C-alpha cells in the first residue's frame, strides 16, 4: 500500500482564506478573493477592523484580486479606493 498517492484535503473559507501544508507545517493565506463581505475573514471586515491582514498565497492571486476589485461595479468611491489600497499593501508568500 505504500504506492498509493497521498491525498490532502484543503477547505477554503467563503472569504478565500485557507490553511495549506507548507514545508512540514502549514500556512494560513488568502487563496482567492472570495466573498469580500464574509464575516470575520472577508476583505472588507479585515480592512475595516484594521486587523493584521491575511497574506496572499502569491503575487499573482493578489493581482487577480486587484483586477476584480477594479471591475466591481457595486463598490463605489471611497470604499473601492480603500479596499484597493488595503489589498495592494497586503503581503504575499513567494
PDB file of N, CA and C in Angstrom:
ATOM      1  N   UNK A   1       0.804  -1.198   0.000  1.00  0.00           N
ATOM      2  CA  UNK A   1       0.000   0.000   0.000  1.00  0.00           C
ATOM      3  C   UNK A   1       0.850   1.266   0.000  1.00  0.00           C
ATOM      4  N   UNK A   2       2.148   1.152   0.028  1.00  0.00           N
ATOM      5  CA  UNK A   2       2.997   2.333   0.017  1.00  0.00           C
ATOM      6  C   UNK A   2       2.993   3.058  -1.325  1.00  0.00           C
ATOM      7  N   UNK A   3       2.469   2.436  -2.365  1.00  0.00           N
ATOM      8  CA  UNK A   3       2.455   3.084  -3.671  1.00  0.00           C
ATOM      9  C   UNK A   3       1.194   3.932  -3.899  1.00  0.00           C
ATOM     10  N   UNK A   4       0.343   4.034  -2.896  1.00  0.00           N
ATOM     11  CA  UNK A   4      -0.861   4.858  -3.019  1.00  0.00           C
ATOM     12  C   UNK A   4      -0.468   6.333  -2.911  1.00  0.00           C
ATOM     13  N   UNK A   5      -1.094   7.175  -3.706  1.00  0.00           N
ATOM     14  CA  UNK A   5      -0.773   8.609  -3.609  1.00  0.00           C
ATOM     15  C   UNK A   5      -1.290   9.202  -2.300  1.00  0.00           C
ATOM     16  N   UNK A   6      -0.586  10.186  -1.826  1.00  0.00           N
ATOM     17  CA  UNK A   6      -1.023  10.890  -0.622  1.00  0.00           C
ATOM     18  C   UNK A   6      -2.108  11.879  -1.012  1.00  0.00           C
ATOM     19  N   UNK A   7      -3.201  11.885  -0.293  1.00  0.00           N
ATOM     20  CA  UNK A   7      -4.310  12.784  -0.579  1.00  0.00           C
ATOM     21  C   UNK A   7      -4.393  13.817   0.532  1.00  0.00           C
ATOM     22  N   UNK A   8      -4.472  15.072   0.136  1.00  0.00           N
ATOM     23  CA  UNK A   8      -4.637  16.145   1.108  1.00  0.00           C
ATOM     24  C   UNK A   8      -5.907  16.904   0.760  1.00  0.00           C
ATOM     25  N   UNK A   9      -6.680  17.210   1.766  1.00  0.00           N
ATOM     26  CA  UNK A   9      -7.913  17.961   1.577  1.00  0.00           C
ATOM     27  C   UNK A   9      -7.714  19.346   2.165  1.00  0.00           C
ATOM     28  N   UNK A  10      -8.108  20.342   1.403  1.00  0.00           N
ATOM     29  CA  UNK A  10      -7.958  21.721   1.847  1.00  0.00           C
ATOM     30  C   UNK A  10      -9.326  22.386   1.809  1.00  0.00           C
ATOM     31  N   UNK A  11      -9.757  22.934   2.925  1.00  0.00           N
ATOM     32  CA  UNK A  11     -11.017  23.667   2.979  1.00  0.00           C
ATOM     33  C   UNK A  11     -10.720  25.152   2.836  1.00  0.00           C
ATOM     34  N   UNK A  12     -11.433  25.791   1.935  1.00  0.00           N
ATOM     35  CA  UNK A  12     -11.289  27.222   1.723  1.00  0.00           C
ATOM     36  C   UNK A  12     -12.541  27.892   2.279  1.00  0.00           C
ATOM     37  N   UNK A  13     -12.333  28.855   3.175  1.00  0.00           N
ATOM     38  CA  UNK A  13     -13.459  29.596   3.746  1.00  0.00           C
ATOM     39  C   UNK A  13     -14.116  30.446   2.658  1.00  0.00           C
ATOM     40  N   UNK A  14     -15.376  30.823   2.845  1.00  0.00           N
ATOM     41  CA  UNK A  14     -16.043  31.679   1.848  1.00  0.00           C
ATOM     42  C   UNK A  14     -15.278  32.974   1.560  1.00  0.00           C
ATOM     43  N   UNK A  15     -14.461  33.404   2.494  1.00  0.00           N
ATOM     44  CA  UNK A  15     -13.677  34.632   2.313  1.00  0.00           C
ATOM     45  C   UNK A  15     -12.418  34.412   1.485  1.00  0.00           C
ATOM     46  N   UNK A  16     -12.152  33.167   1.092  1.00  0.00           N
ATOM     47  CA  UNK A  16     -10.963  32.871   0.299  1.00  0.00           C
ATOM     48  C   UNK A  16      -9.738  32.511   1.114  1.00  0.00           C
ATOM     49  N   UNK A  17      -9.887  32.340   2.424  1.00  0.00           N
ATOM     50  CA  UNK A  17      -8.766  32.018   3.310  1.00  0.00           C
ATOM     51  C   UNK A  17      -8.693  30.505   3.512  1.00  0.00           C
ATOM     52  N   UNK A  18      -7.475  29.975   3.461  1.00  0.00           N
ATOM     53  CA  UNK A  18      -7.256  28.542   3.663  1.00  0.00           C
ATOM     54  C   UNK A  18      -5.960  28.334   4.436  1.00  0.00           C
ATOM     55  N   UNK A  19      -5.853  27.186   5.066  1.00  0.00           N
ATOM     56  CA  UNK A  19      -4.598  26.769   5.686  1.00  0.00           C
ATOM     57  C   UNK A  19      -4.033  25.659   4.815  1.00  0.00           C
ATOM     58  N   UNK A  20      -2.848  25.897   4.282  1.00  0.00           N
ATOM     59  CA  UNK A  20      -2.230  24.974   3.332  1.00  0.00           C
ATOM     60  C   UNK A  20      -0.992  24.330   3.929  1.00  0.00           C
ATOM     61  N   UNK A  21      -0.731  23.070   3.562  1.00  0.00           N
ATOM     62  CA  UNK A  21       0.509  22.441   4.009  1.00  0.00           C
ATOM     63  C   UNK A  21       1.704  23.158   3.391  1.00  0.00           C
ATOM     64  N   UNK A  22       2.738  23.324   4.206  1.00  0.00           N
ATOM     65  CA  UNK A  22       3.921  24.028   3.715  1.00  0.00           C
ATOM     66  C   UNK A  22       5.136  23.627   4.526  1.00  0.00           C
ATOM     67  N   UNK A  23       6.131  23.067   3.871  1.00  0.00           N
ATOM     68  CA  UNK A  23       7.431  22.789   4.482  1.00  0.00           C
ATOM     69  C   UNK A  23       7.316  22.053   5.818  1.00  0.00           C
ATOM     70  N   UNK A  24       6.513  21.011   5.852  1.00  0.00           N
ATOM     71  CA  UNK A  24       6.352  20.215   7.062  1.00  0.00           C
ATOM     72  C   UNK A  24       5.409  20.826   8.079  1.00  0.00           C
ATOM     73  N   UNK A  25       4.853  21.964   7.789  1.00  0.00           N
ATOM     74  CA  UNK A  25       3.906  22.629   8.682  1.00  0.00           C
ATOM     75  C   UNK A  25       2.725  23.128   7.868  1.00  0.00           C
ATOM     76  N   UNK A  26       2.265  24.322   8.183  1.00  0.00           N
ATOM     77  CA  UNK A  26       1.123  24.884   7.465  1.00  0.00           C
ATOM     78  C   UNK A  26       1.199  26.405   7.488  1.00  0.00           C
ATOM     79  N   UNK A  27       0.600  27.018   6.462  1.00  0.00           N
ATOM     80  CA  UNK A  27       0.469  28.473   6.415  1.00  0.00           C
ATOM     81  C   UNK A  27      -1.000  28.812   6.178  1.00  0.00           C
ATOM     82  N   UNK A  28      -1.437  29.891   6.784  1.00  0.00           N
ATOM     83  CA  UNK A  28      -2.777  30.410   6.527  1.00  0.00           C
ATOM     84  C   UNK A  28      -2.620  31.580   5.578  1.00  0.00           C
ATOM     85  N   UNK A  29      -3.356  31.515   4.477  1.00  0.00           N
ATOM     86  CA  UNK A  29      -3.223  32.555   3.466  1.00  0.00           C
ATOM     87  C   UNK A  29      -4.532  32.700   2.694  1.00  0.00           C
ATOM     88  N   UNK A  30      -4.612  33.779   1.960  1.00  0.00           N
ATOM     89  CA  UNK A  30      -5.782  34.022   1.111  1.00  0.00           C
ATOM     90  C   UNK A  30      -5.457  33.451  -0.262  1.00  0.00           C
ATOM     91  N   UNK A  31      -6.274  32.479  -0.720  1.00  0.00           N
ATOM     92  CA  UNK A  31      -6.015  31.797  -1.985  1.00  0.00           C
ATOM     93  C   UNK A  31      -6.915  32.290  -3.117  1.00  0.00           C
ATOM     94  N   UNK A  32      -7.889  33.124  -2.792  1.00  0.00           N
ATOM     95  CA  UNK A  32      -8.789  33.729  -3.764  1.00  0.00           C
ATOM     96  C   UNK A  32      -9.457  34.929  -3.109  1.00  0.00           C
ATOM     97  N   UNK A  33     -10.074  35.771  -3.896  1.00  0.00           N
ATOM     98  CA  UNK A  33     -10.732  36.953  -3.325  1.00  0.00           C
ATOM     99  C   UNK A  33     -11.938  36.556  -2.466  1.00  0.00           C
ATOM    100  N   UNK A  34     -12.634  35.487  -2.833  1.00  0.00           N
ATOM    101  CA  UNK A  34     -13.781  35.022  -2.059  1.00  0.00           C
ATOM    102  C   UNK A  34     -14.874  36.070  -1.969  1.00  0.00           C
ATOM    103  N   UNK A  35     -15.730  35.918  -0.988  1.00  0.00           N
ATOM    104  CA  UNK A  35     -16.792  36.895  -0.733  1.00  0.00           C
ATOM    105  C   UNK A  35     -16.180  38.017   0.097  1.00  0.00           C
ATOM    106  N   UNK A  36     -16.072  39.206  -0.482  1.00  0.00           N
ATOM    107  CA  UNK A  36     -15.365  40.277   0.219  1.00  0.00           C
ATOM    108  C   UNK A  36     -16.084  40.741   1.472  1.00  0.00           C
ATOM    109  N   UNK A  37     -17.385  40.471   1.565  1.00  0.00           N
ATOM    110  CA  UNK A  37     -18.123  40.885   2.757  1.00  0.00           C
ATOM    111  C   UNK A  37     -18.387  39.726   3.715  1.00  0.00           C
ATOM    112  N   UNK A  38     -17.654  38.615   3.586  1.00  0.00           N
ATOM    113  CA  UNK A  38     -17.807  37.487   4.506  1.00  0.00           C
ATOM    114  C   UNK A  38     -17.443  37.930   5.925  1.00  0.00           C
ATOM    115  N   UNK A  39     -18.232  37.499   6.917  1.00  0.00           N
ATOM    116  CA  UNK A  39     -17.907  37.897   8.298  1.00  0.00           C
ATOM    117  C   UNK A  39     -16.561  37.318   8.744  1.00  0.00           C
ATOM    118  N   UNK A  40     -15.926  38.021   9.618  1.00  0.00           N
ATOM    119  CA  UNK A  40     -14.669  37.621  10.263  1.00  0.00           C
ATOM    120  C   UNK A  40     -13.431  37.691   9.368  1.00  0.00           C
ATOM    121  N   UNK A  41     -13.418  37.009   8.222  1.00  0.00           N
ATOM    122  CA  UNK A  41     -12.196  36.955   7.418  1.00  0.00           C
ATOM    123  C   UNK A  41     -12.336  37.547   6.019  1.00  0.00           C
ATOM    124  N   UNK A  42     -13.457  38.177   5.699  1.00  0.00           N
ATOM    125  CA  UNK A  42     -13.624  38.816   4.394  1.00  0.00           C
ATOM    126  C   UNK A  42     -12.752  40.062   4.295  1.00  0.00           C
ATOM    127  N   UNK A  43     -12.447  40.461   3.070  1.00  0.00           N
ATOM    128  CA  UNK A  43     -11.560  41.607   2.864  1.00  0.00           C
ATOM    129  C   UNK A  43     -12.110  42.903   3.461  1.00  0.00           C
ATOM    130  N   UNK A  44     -13.414  43.141   3.345  1.00  0.00           N
ATOM    131  CA  UNK A  44     -13.973  44.380   3.905  1.00  0.00           C
ATOM    132  C   UNK A  44     -13.863  44.396   5.426  1.00  0.00           C
ATOM    133  N   UNK A  45     -14.173  43.275   6.061  1.00  0.00           N
ATOM    134  CA  UNK A  45     -14.059  43.181   7.532  1.00  0.00           C
ATOM    135  C   UNK A  45     -12.604  43.354   7.952  1.00  0.00           C
ATOM    136  N   UNK A  46     -11.703  42.713   7.239  1.00  0.00           N
ATOM    137  CA  UNK A  46     -10.277  42.811   7.544  1.00  0.00           C
ATOM    138  C   UNK A  46      -9.813  44.265   7.449  1.00  0.00           C
ATOM    139  N   UNK A  47     -10.223  44.949   6.395  1.00  0.00           N
ATOM    140  CA  UNK A  47      -9.821  46.341   6.182  1.00  0.00           C
ATOM    141  C   UNK A  47     -10.413  47.252   7.261  1.00  0.00           C
ATOM    142  N   UNK A  48     -11.705  47.095   7.536  1.00  0.00           N
ATOM    143  CA  UNK A  48     -12.375  47.987   8.479  1.00  0.00           C
ATOM    144  C   UNK A  48     -11.951  47.744   9.923  1.00  0.00           C
ATOM    145  N   UNK A  49     -11.601  46.505  10.257  1.00  0.00           N
ATOM    146  CA  UNK A  49     -11.200  46.198  11.632  1.00  0.00           C
ATOM    147  C   UNK A  49      -9.743  46.552  11.892  1.00  0.00           C
ATOM    148  N   UNK A  50      -9.008  46.823  10.825  1.00  0.00           N
ATOM    149  CA  UNK A  50      -7.572  47.111  10.911  1.00  0.00           C
ATOM    150  C   UNK A  50      -6.799  45.944  11.534  1.00  0.00           C
ATOM    151  N   UNK A  51      -7.365  44.743  11.371  1.00  0.00           N
ATOM    152  CA  UNK A  51      -6.694  43.533  11.855  1.00  0.00           C
ATOM    153  C   UNK A  51      -5.464  43.259  10.998  1.00  0.00           C
ATOM    154  N   UNK A  52      -4.574  42.450  11.517  1.00  0.00           N
ATOM    155  CA  UNK A  52      -3.411  42.021  10.735  1.00  0.00           C
ATOM    156  C   UNK A  52      -3.927  41.317   9.482  1.00  0.00           C
ATOM    157  N   UNK A  53      -3.561  41.773   8.287  1.00  0.00           N
ATOM    158  CA  UNK A  53      -4.107  41.162   7.076  1.00  0.00           C
ATOM    159  C   UNK A  53      -3.586  39.752   6.846  1.00  0.00           C
ATOM    160  N   UNK A  54      -4.450  38.919   6.296  1.00  0.00           N
ATOM    161  CA  UNK A  54      -4.053  37.561   5.924  1.00  0.00           C
ATOM    162  C   UNK A  54      -3.241  37.666   4.641  1.00  0.00           C
ATOM    163  N   UNK A  55      -2.010  37.160   4.624  1.00  0.00           N
ATOM    164  CA  UNK A  55      -1.187  37.255   3.412  1.00  0.00           C
ATOM    165  C   UNK A  55      -1.820  36.490   2.248  1.00  0.00           C
ATOM    166  N   UNK A  56      -1.550  36.952   1.044  1.00  0.00           N
ATOM    167  CA  UNK A  56      -1.995  36.254  -0.158  1.00  0.00           C
ATOM    168  C   UNK A  56      -1.070  35.076  -0.418  1.00  0.00           C
ATOM    169  N   UNK A  57      -1.571  34.062  -1.101  1.00  0.00           N
ATOM    170  CA  UNK A  57      -0.755  32.879  -1.413  1.00  0.00           C
ATOM    171  C   UNK A  57       0.429  33.263  -2.292  1.00  0.00           C
ATOM    172  N   UNK A  58       0.189  34.158  -3.249  1.00  0.00           N
ATOM    173  CA  UNK A  58       1.277  34.650  -4.089  1.00  0.00           C
ATOM    174  C   UNK A  58       0.858  35.971  -4.727  1.00  0.00           C
ATOM    175  N   UNK A  59       1.784  36.609  -5.407  1.00  0.00           N
ATOM    176  CA  UNK A  59       1.519  37.919  -6.017  1.00  0.00           C
ATOM    177  C   UNK A  59       0.503  37.811  -7.147  1.00  0.00           C
ATOM    178  N   UNK A  60       0.500  36.713  -7.869  1.00  0.00           N
ATOM    179  CA  UNK A  60      -0.439  36.545  -8.979  1.00  0.00           C
ATOM    180  C   UNK A  60      -1.886  36.547  -8.487  1.00  0.00           C
ATOM    181  N   UNK A  61      -2.163  35.828  -7.413  1.00  0.00           N
ATOM    182  CA  UNK A  61      -3.522  35.788  -6.859  1.00  0.00           C
ATOM    183  C   UNK A  61      -3.909  37.171  -6.344  1.00  0.00           C
ATOM    184  N   UNK A  62      -2.975  37.842  -5.697  1.00  0.00           N
ATOM    185  CA  UNK A  62      -3.252  39.201  -5.214  1.00  0.00           C
ATOM    186  C   UNK A  62      -3.559  40.143  -6.374  1.00  0.00           C
ATOM    187  N   UNK A  63      -2.783  40.061  -7.437  1.00  0.00           N
ATOM    188  CA  UNK A  63      -3.004  40.918  -8.606  1.00  0.00           C
ATOM    189  C   UNK A  63      -4.343  40.626  -9.281  1.00  0.00           C
ATOM    190  N   UNK A  64      -4.754  39.356  -9.308  1.00  0.00           N
ATOM    191  CA  UNK A  64      -6.075  38.996  -9.842  1.00  0.00           C
ATOM    192  C   UNK A  64      -7.174  39.634  -8.996  1.00  0.00           C
ATOM    193  N   UNK A  65      -6.992  39.627  -7.672  1.00  0.00           N
ATOM    194  CA  UNK A  65      -7.976  40.242  -6.778  1.00  0.00           C
ATOM    195  C   UNK A  65      -8.073  41.743  -7.028  1.00  0.00           C
ATOM    196  N   UNK A  66      -6.943  42.394  -7.227  1.00  0.00           N
ATOM    197  CA  UNK A  66      -6.931  43.829  -7.515  1.00  0.00           C
ATOM    198  C   UNK A  66      -7.718  44.106  -8.800  1.00  0.00           C
ATOM    199  N   UNK A  67      -7.488  43.306  -9.810  1.00  0.00           N
ATOM    200  CA  UNK A  67      -8.189  43.469 -11.076  1.00  0.00           C
ATOM    201  C   UNK A  67      -9.702  43.283 -10.909  1.00  0.00           C
ATOM    202  N   UNK A  68     -10.101  42.281 -10.137  1.00  0.00           N
ATOM    203  CA  UNK A  68     -11.529  42.048  -9.886  1.00  0.00           C
ATOM    204  C   UNK A  68     -12.162  43.210  -9.130  1.00  0.00           C
ATOM    205  N   UNK A  69     -11.472  43.725  -8.129  1.00  0.00           N
ATOM    206  CA  UNK A  69     -12.000  44.846  -7.347  1.00  0.00           C
ATOM    207  C   UNK A  69     -12.145  46.076  -8.236  1.00  0.00           C
ATOM    208  N   UNK A  70     -11.178  46.312  -9.100  1.00  0.00           N
ATOM    209  CA  UNK A  70     -11.245  47.465 -10.009  1.00  0.00           C
ATOM    210  C   UNK A  70     -12.470  47.395 -10.917  1.00  0.00           C
ATOM    211  N   UNK A  71     -12.877  46.171 -11.288  1.00  0.00           N
ATOM    212  CA  UNK A  71     -14.022  45.991 -12.187  1.00  0.00           C
ATOM    213  C   UNK A  71     -15.368  45.883 -11.477  1.00  0.00           C
ATOM    214  N   UNK A  72     -15.367  45.730 -10.148  1.00  0.00           N
ATOM    215  CA  UNK A  72     -16.629  45.567  -9.417  1.00  0.00           C
ATOM    216  C   UNK A  72     -17.446  46.861  -9.477  1.00  0.00           C
ATOM    217  N   UNK A  73     -18.639  46.757 -10.037  1.00  0.00           N
ATOM    218  CA  UNK A  73     -19.484  47.948 -10.182  1.00  0.00           C
ATOM    219  C   UNK A  73     -20.274  48.251  -8.906  1.00  0.00           C
ATOM    220  N   UNK A  74     -20.397  47.273  -8.011  1.00  0.00           N
ATOM    221  CA  UNK A  74     -21.171  47.509  -6.788  1.00  0.00           C
ATOM    222  C   UNK A  74     -20.335  48.137  -5.670  1.00  0.00           C
ATOM    223  N   UNK A  75     -19.045  48.309  -5.887  1.00  0.00           N
ATOM    224  CA  UNK A  75     -18.190  49.024  -4.931  1.00  0.00           C
ATOM    225  C   UNK A  75     -17.973  50.434  -5.465  1.00  0.00           C
ATOM    226  N   UNK A  76     -18.312  51.410  -4.668  1.00  0.00           N
ATOM    227  CA  UNK A  76     -18.237  52.792  -5.136  1.00  0.00           C
ATOM    228  C   UNK A  76     -17.262  53.615  -4.311  1.00  0.00           C
ATOM    229  N   UNK A  77     -16.707  54.616  -4.960  1.00  0.00           N
ATOM    230  CA  UNK A  77     -15.944  55.681  -4.325  1.00  0.00           C
ATOM    231  C   UNK A  77     -14.904  55.264  -3.327  1.00  0.00           C
ATOM    232  N   UNK A  78     -15.060  55.802  -2.121  1.00  0.00           N
ATOM    233  CA  UNK A  78     -14.061  55.658  -1.071  1.00  0.00           C
ATOM    234  C   UNK A  78     -13.831  54.197  -0.675  1.00  0.00           C
ATOM    235  N   UNK A  79     -14.894  53.406  -0.597  1.00  0.00           N
ATOM    236  CA  UNK A  79     -14.734  52.003  -0.196  1.00  0.00           C
ATOM    237  C   UNK A  79     -13.847  51.270  -1.197  1.00  0.00           C
ATOM    238  N   UNK A  80     -14.111  51.455  -2.482  1.00  0.00           N
ATOM    239  CA  UNK A  80     -13.302  50.786  -3.510  1.00  0.00           C
ATOM    240  C   UNK A  80     -11.851  51.241  -3.418  1.00  0.00           C
ATOM    241  N   UNK A  81     -11.636  52.535  -3.282  1.00  0.00           N
ATOM    242  CA  UNK A  81     -10.279  53.089  -3.189  1.00  0.00           C
ATOM    243  C   UNK A  81      -9.535  52.527  -1.972  1.00  0.00           C
ATOM    244  N   UNK A  82     -10.199  52.514  -0.811  1.00  0.00           N
ATOM    245  CA  UNK A  82      -9.575  51.998   0.414  1.00  0.00           C
ATOM    246  C   UNK A  82      -9.289  50.500   0.304  1.00  0.00           C
ATOM    247  N   UNK A  83     -10.230  49.754  -0.297  1.00  0.00           N
ATOM    248  CA  UNK A  83     -10.041  48.312  -0.437  1.00  0.00           C
ATOM    249  C   UNK A  83      -8.874  48.008  -1.377  1.00  0.00           C
ATOM    250  N   UNK A  84      -8.776  48.736  -2.464  1.00  0.00           N
ATOM    251  CA  UNK A  84      -7.640  48.543  -3.377  1.00  0.00           C
ATOM    252  C   UNK A  84      -6.320  48.837  -2.674  1.00  0.00           C
ATOM    253  N   UNK A  85      -6.261  49.917  -1.903  1.00  0.00           N
ATOM    254  CA  UNK A  85      -5.043  50.222  -1.147  1.00  0.00           C
ATOM    255  C   UNK A  85      -4.722  49.122  -0.148  1.00  0.00           C
ATOM    256  N   UNK A  86      -5.754  48.610   0.524  1.00  0.00           N
ATOM    257  CA  UNK A  86      -5.560  47.538   1.508  1.00  0.00           C
ATOM    258  C   UNK A  86      -4.954  46.297   0.833  1.00  0.00           C
ATOM    259  N   UNK A  87      -5.540  45.895  -0.279  1.00  0.00           N
ATOM    260  CA  UNK A  87      -5.053  44.685  -0.970  1.00  0.00           C
ATOM    261  C   UNK A  87      -3.641  44.913  -1.514  1.00  0.00           C
ATOM    262  N   UNK A  88      -3.395  46.083  -2.068  1.00  0.00           N
ATOM    263  CA  UNK A  88      -2.041  46.373  -2.597  1.00  0.00           C
ATOM    264  C   UNK A  88      -0.980  46.348  -1.500  1.00  0.00           C
ATOM    265  N   UNK A  89      -1.366  46.685  -0.276  1.00  0.00           N
ATOM    266  CA  UNK A  89      -0.410  46.751   0.834  1.00  0.00           C
ATOM    267  C   UNK A  89      -0.353  45.460   1.665  1.00  0.00           C
ATOM    268  N   UNK A  90      -1.112  44.453   1.252  1.00  0.00           N
ATOM    269  CA  UNK A  90      -1.103  43.185   1.976  1.00  0.00           C
ATOM    270  C   UNK A  90       0.021  42.310   1.440  1.00  0.00           C
ATOM    271  N   UNK A  91       0.819  41.708   2.321  1.00  0.00           N
ATOM    272  CA  UNK A  91       1.942  40.876   1.859  1.00  0.00           C
ATOM    273  C   UNK A  91       1.456  39.590   1.191  1.00  0.00           C
ATOM    274  N   UNK A  92       2.372  38.895   0.550  1.00  0.00           N
ATOM    275  CA  UNK A  92       2.087  37.607  -0.062  1.00  0.00           C
ATOM    276  C   UNK A  92       3.294  36.706   0.155  1.00  0.00           C
ATOM    277  N   UNK A  93       3.039  35.405  -0.007  1.00  0.00           N
ATOM    278  CA  UNK A  93       4.126  34.420   0.095  1.00  0.00           C
ATOM    279  C   UNK A  93       4.777  34.278  -1.275  1.00  0.00           C
ATOM    280  N   UNK A  94       6.067  34.097  -1.279  1.00  0.00           N
ATOM    281  CA  UNK A  94       6.822  33.925  -2.541  1.00  0.00           C
ATOM    282  C   UNK A  94       6.628  32.520  -3.052  1.00  0.00           C
TER     283      UNK A  94
END
